[in-house]
Protein backbone atom coordinates (compact mmCIF):
# COMPACT_ATOMS: atom_id res chain seq x y z
CA MET A 1 0.01 0.00 0.00
CA PHE A 2 1.34 3.44 -0.98
CA ARG A 3 0.81 6.15 1.56
CA PHE A 4 1.64 9.88 1.51
CA SER A 5 0.62 12.39 4.12
CA HIS A 6 0.68 16.18 4.19
CA ARG A 7 -0.40 18.35 7.06
CA THR A 8 -2.40 21.52 6.41
CA GLY A 9 -3.21 23.48 9.55
CA ALA A 10 -4.40 21.15 12.27
CA SER A 11 -5.65 18.41 9.97
CA PRO A 12 -3.46 16.02 7.90
CA ILE A 13 -4.44 15.03 4.41
CA VAL A 14 -3.42 11.45 3.52
CA VAL A 15 -3.17 9.92 0.08
CA GLU A 16 -3.25 6.13 -0.09
CA GLN A 17 -3.26 3.55 -2.88
CA THR A 18 -5.29 0.75 -1.36
CA GLN A 19 -5.57 -2.91 -2.30
CA SER A 20 -9.10 -3.58 -1.06
CA HIS A 21 -11.60 -5.17 -3.43
CA GLU A 22 -13.58 -1.90 -3.56
CA THR A 23 -10.73 0.55 -4.23
CA ALA A 24 -7.94 -1.63 -5.53
CA GLY A 25 -5.38 0.31 -7.52
CA ARG A 26 -7.14 3.61 -6.89
CA PHE A 27 -5.79 6.61 -5.00
CA VAL A 28 -8.09 7.92 -2.27
CA PHE A 29 -7.72 11.04 -0.17
CA LEU A 30 -8.35 10.79 3.53
CA SER A 31 -9.31 13.82 5.59
CA GLY A 32 -7.82 13.55 9.02
CA ARG A 33 -10.55 15.80 10.41
CA ARG A 34 -13.51 13.70 9.27
CA GLY A 35 -11.82 10.38 8.58
CA LYS A 36 -13.62 9.97 5.27
CA ALA A 37 -12.16 8.70 1.97
CA TYR A 38 -12.48 10.81 -1.15
CA GLY A 39 -11.81 9.12 -4.48
CA LEU A 40 -10.35 10.96 -7.42
CA ASN A 41 -13.84 11.09 -8.98
CA GLY A 42 -15.09 12.86 -5.86
CA LEU A 43 -12.27 15.38 -6.03
CA LYS A 44 -13.08 15.95 -9.67
CA ARG A 45 -16.68 16.68 -8.77
CA LEU A 46 -15.58 19.09 -6.09
CA ALA A 47 -13.37 20.88 -8.57
CA GLU A 48 -16.18 21.07 -11.12
CA ARG A 49 -18.60 22.37 -8.52
CA ALA A 50 -16.10 25.02 -7.39
CA TRP A 51 -15.48 26.05 -11.00
CA ASN A 52 -19.22 26.27 -11.78
CA GLY A 53 -19.74 28.33 -8.66
CA PHE A 54 -16.95 30.68 -9.66
CA LEU A 55 -18.49 31.08 -13.12
CA THR A 56 -21.92 31.88 -11.61
CA TYR A 57 -20.36 34.60 -9.51
CA ALA A 58 -18.37 35.90 -12.45
CA VAL A 59 -21.43 36.08 -14.77
CA LYS A 60 -23.56 37.90 -12.21
CA PHE A 61 -20.66 40.21 -11.37
CA GLY A 62 -20.25 40.88 -15.05
CA VAL A 63 -23.96 41.81 -15.56
CA VAL A 64 -23.87 44.20 -12.60
CA GLY A 65 -20.54 45.52 -13.72
CA PHE A 66 -21.74 46.11 -17.28
CA ALA A 67 -24.66 48.18 -16.03
CA GLY A 68 -22.26 50.08 -13.82
CA PHE A 69 -19.92 50.49 -16.80
CA LEU A 70 -22.69 52.16 -18.79
CA ILE A 71 -23.30 54.56 -15.89
CA ASP A 72 -19.58 55.16 -15.45
CA VAL A 73 -18.81 55.84 -19.13
CA GLY A 74 -21.97 57.83 -19.73
CA LEU A 75 -21.55 60.13 -16.77
CA PHE A 76 -17.79 60.44 -17.39
CA ASN A 77 -18.34 61.74 -20.91
CA LEU A 78 -21.17 64.03 -19.90
CA LEU A 79 -18.91 65.69 -17.36
CA PHE A 80 -15.75 65.65 -19.43
CA LEU A 81 -17.49 67.13 -22.48
CA GLY A 82 -18.98 69.95 -20.45
CA ALA A 83 -22.64 68.90 -20.22
CA PHE A 84 -22.67 70.25 -16.65
CA GLY A 85 -20.48 73.26 -17.35
CA THR A 86 -16.81 73.84 -17.98
CA GLY A 87 -13.89 75.38 -16.14
CA HIS A 88 -14.35 73.41 -12.92
CA PHE A 89 -12.54 70.36 -11.52
CA PHE A 90 -15.26 67.89 -12.35
CA ALA A 91 -15.05 68.84 -16.04
CA THR A 92 -11.43 67.58 -16.11
CA ALA A 93 -10.63 63.99 -16.93
CA ILE A 94 -9.57 63.21 -13.36
CA GLY A 95 -12.52 64.98 -11.79
CA ALA A 96 -15.04 63.45 -14.21
CA LYS A 97 -13.68 59.99 -13.59
CA LEU A 98 -13.86 60.53 -9.85
CA ILE A 99 -17.60 61.39 -9.98
CA SER A 100 -18.58 58.79 -12.54
CA THR A 101 -16.77 55.99 -10.76
CA SER A 102 -18.17 56.96 -7.38
CA VAL A 103 -21.76 56.80 -8.70
CA ALA A 104 -21.06 53.50 -10.41
CA ILE A 105 -19.57 52.10 -7.17
CA VAL A 106 -22.77 52.81 -5.22
CA PHE A 107 -24.85 51.20 -7.99
CA ASN A 108 -22.58 48.12 -8.13
CA TRP A 109 -22.60 47.71 -4.35
CA ILE A 110 -26.39 47.50 -4.32
CA GLY A 111 -26.37 45.00 -7.22
CA ASN A 112 -23.63 42.82 -5.79
CA ARG A 113 -25.00 42.89 -2.22
CA TYR A 114 -28.51 41.89 -3.14
CA TRP A 115 -27.87 39.69 -6.17
CA THR A 116 -24.33 38.53 -7.00
CA PHE A 117 -23.18 37.73 -3.45
CA ARG A 118 -26.54 37.78 -1.72
CA GLU A 119 -25.96 34.49 0.18
CA ASN A 120 -22.73 35.87 1.62
CA ARG A 121 -23.81 39.43 2.37
CA ARG A 122 -22.81 40.65 5.78
CA LYS A 123 -25.04 41.27 8.74
CA ASN A 124 -22.92 44.31 9.55
CA VAL A 125 -23.90 46.42 6.60
CA GLY A 126 -21.72 49.34 7.71
CA LEU A 127 -18.54 47.25 7.85
CA GLU A 128 -19.39 45.60 4.55
CA LEU A 129 -19.88 48.98 2.90
CA VAL A 130 -16.59 50.31 4.27
CA GLU A 131 -14.67 47.24 3.01
CA TYR A 132 -16.52 47.43 -0.32
CA ALA A 133 -15.60 51.09 -0.64
CA LEU A 134 -11.95 50.43 0.17
CA VAL A 135 -11.73 47.84 -2.61
CA SER A 136 -13.60 50.12 -4.99
CA VAL A 137 -11.19 52.98 -4.21
CA GLY A 138 -8.37 50.63 -5.08
CA GLY A 139 -9.99 50.01 -8.47
CA LEU A 140 -10.49 53.78 -8.91
CA VAL A 141 -6.80 54.44 -8.15
CA ILE A 142 -5.90 51.94 -10.90
CA ALA A 143 -8.13 53.75 -13.40
CA GLU A 144 -6.83 57.18 -12.35
CA ALA A 145 -3.23 55.94 -12.68
CA CYS A 146 -3.99 54.80 -16.24
CA ILE A 147 -5.30 58.28 -17.06
CA TRP A 148 -2.28 59.98 -15.47
CA PHE A 149 0.14 57.69 -17.32
CA THR A 150 -1.62 58.32 -20.64
CA HIS A 151 -1.68 62.11 -20.19
CA HIS A 152 1.60 62.82 -18.50
CA VAL A 153 3.91 60.04 -19.67
CA LEU A 154 2.58 59.15 -23.14
CA GLY A 155 1.40 62.71 -23.82
CA LEU A 156 -1.94 61.57 -25.26
CA THR A 157 -4.80 63.84 -24.19
CA SER A 158 -7.46 63.35 -26.85
CA VAL A 159 -10.98 62.19 -25.95
CA LEU A 160 -10.29 58.82 -27.59
CA ALA A 161 -7.00 58.29 -25.74
CA THR A 162 -8.52 59.37 -22.45
CA ASN A 163 -11.44 56.96 -22.90
CA ILE A 164 -9.13 54.09 -23.76
CA ALA A 165 -7.04 54.79 -20.67
CA ALA A 166 -10.02 55.24 -18.32
CA ASN A 167 -12.67 52.95 -19.74
CA VAL A 168 -10.72 50.12 -21.43
CA VAL A 169 -7.35 49.56 -19.76
CA GLY A 170 -8.17 51.12 -16.43
CA LEU A 171 -11.61 49.52 -16.26
CA ALA A 172 -10.29 46.05 -17.11
CA LEU A 173 -7.53 46.14 -14.51
CA GLY A 174 -9.78 47.71 -11.89
CA THR A 175 -12.56 45.18 -12.50
CA ALA A 176 -10.21 42.20 -12.09
CA PHE A 177 -8.86 43.70 -8.90
CA ARG A 178 -12.29 44.36 -7.47
CA PHE A 179 -13.79 40.96 -8.36
CA VAL A 180 -11.02 39.02 -6.62
CA LEU A 181 -11.20 41.07 -3.44
CA TYR A 182 -15.00 41.17 -3.37
CA ARG A 183 -15.32 37.44 -3.87
CA TYR A 184 -12.59 36.32 -1.48
CA TRP A 185 -12.52 39.14 1.09
CA VAL A 186 -15.62 41.32 1.36
CA TYR A 187 -18.02 38.46 0.57
CA GLY A 188 -15.67 35.57 1.31
CA GLU A 189 -17.23 32.47 2.82
CA GLN A 190 -14.52 32.38 5.46
CA ARG A 191 -15.94 35.56 7.03
CA SER A 192 -17.82 34.95 10.27
CA ASP A 193 -21.25 35.57 8.70
CA GLY A 194 -20.59 32.78 6.19
CA MET A 195 -19.55 30.03 8.60
CA GLN A 196 -22.98 28.39 8.74
CA LYS A 197 -23.05 28.18 4.97
CA ILE A 198 -19.59 26.54 4.91
CA ALA A 199 -20.76 23.88 7.34
CA ALA A 200 -23.91 23.21 5.32
CA VAL A 201 -22.00 22.99 2.06
CA ALA A 202 -19.39 20.68 3.61
CA ALA A 203 -22.07 18.36 4.96
CA GLU A 204 -23.80 18.20 1.57
CA ARG A 205 -20.45 17.52 -0.14
CA ASP A 206 -19.57 14.70 2.25
CA LYS A 207 -23.01 13.12 1.86
CA ALA A 208 -22.75 13.21 -1.92
CA LEU A 209 -19.25 11.78 -2.00
CA VAL A 210 -19.98 8.96 0.44
CA SER A 211 -23.11 7.98 -1.45
CA ASN A 212 -21.02 7.63 -4.60
């Protein structure tokens, strides 16, 4: 019998190749915490389930983000092109982006809290909003940095160049940054509010794997 063990935290994970009539020649994974055997097929199902869950979050996040994108781009151009007057800070590229992104952030927070990550939303709304805002500011800084680089390093100040910097490059980098931190920090299942869900999902997973 081949045996390999690796300890993660307080619980070892053991890999064995058994010779029993039920699992002969197969590798099974043993969880030291629960003492259950997980076949490679079970691990594959877990991976597929995790991937499908990730895609579900990504699609919902994308829908909310696209609506926020329309708000962001539309308001940015209205401000930058002088629809609300000229000669003030909010008619500049930096100022316009600050306002448009701030409005989009509030819209996206509502959409993500009550739809995308609704099962993981926090009981402490104030703390959630603060953390959400911090991550969103990080995404805003990325977009502003792209504008600054385009204007002051590349010397490109046209409307087209500014939109590419703010709403293509900056938006793409900022969106990736925000999604990762929203999913795994602000609305992460490891947060205290999500512990009951983790236990329920783990129990369901174990039941499905054992039955197979």
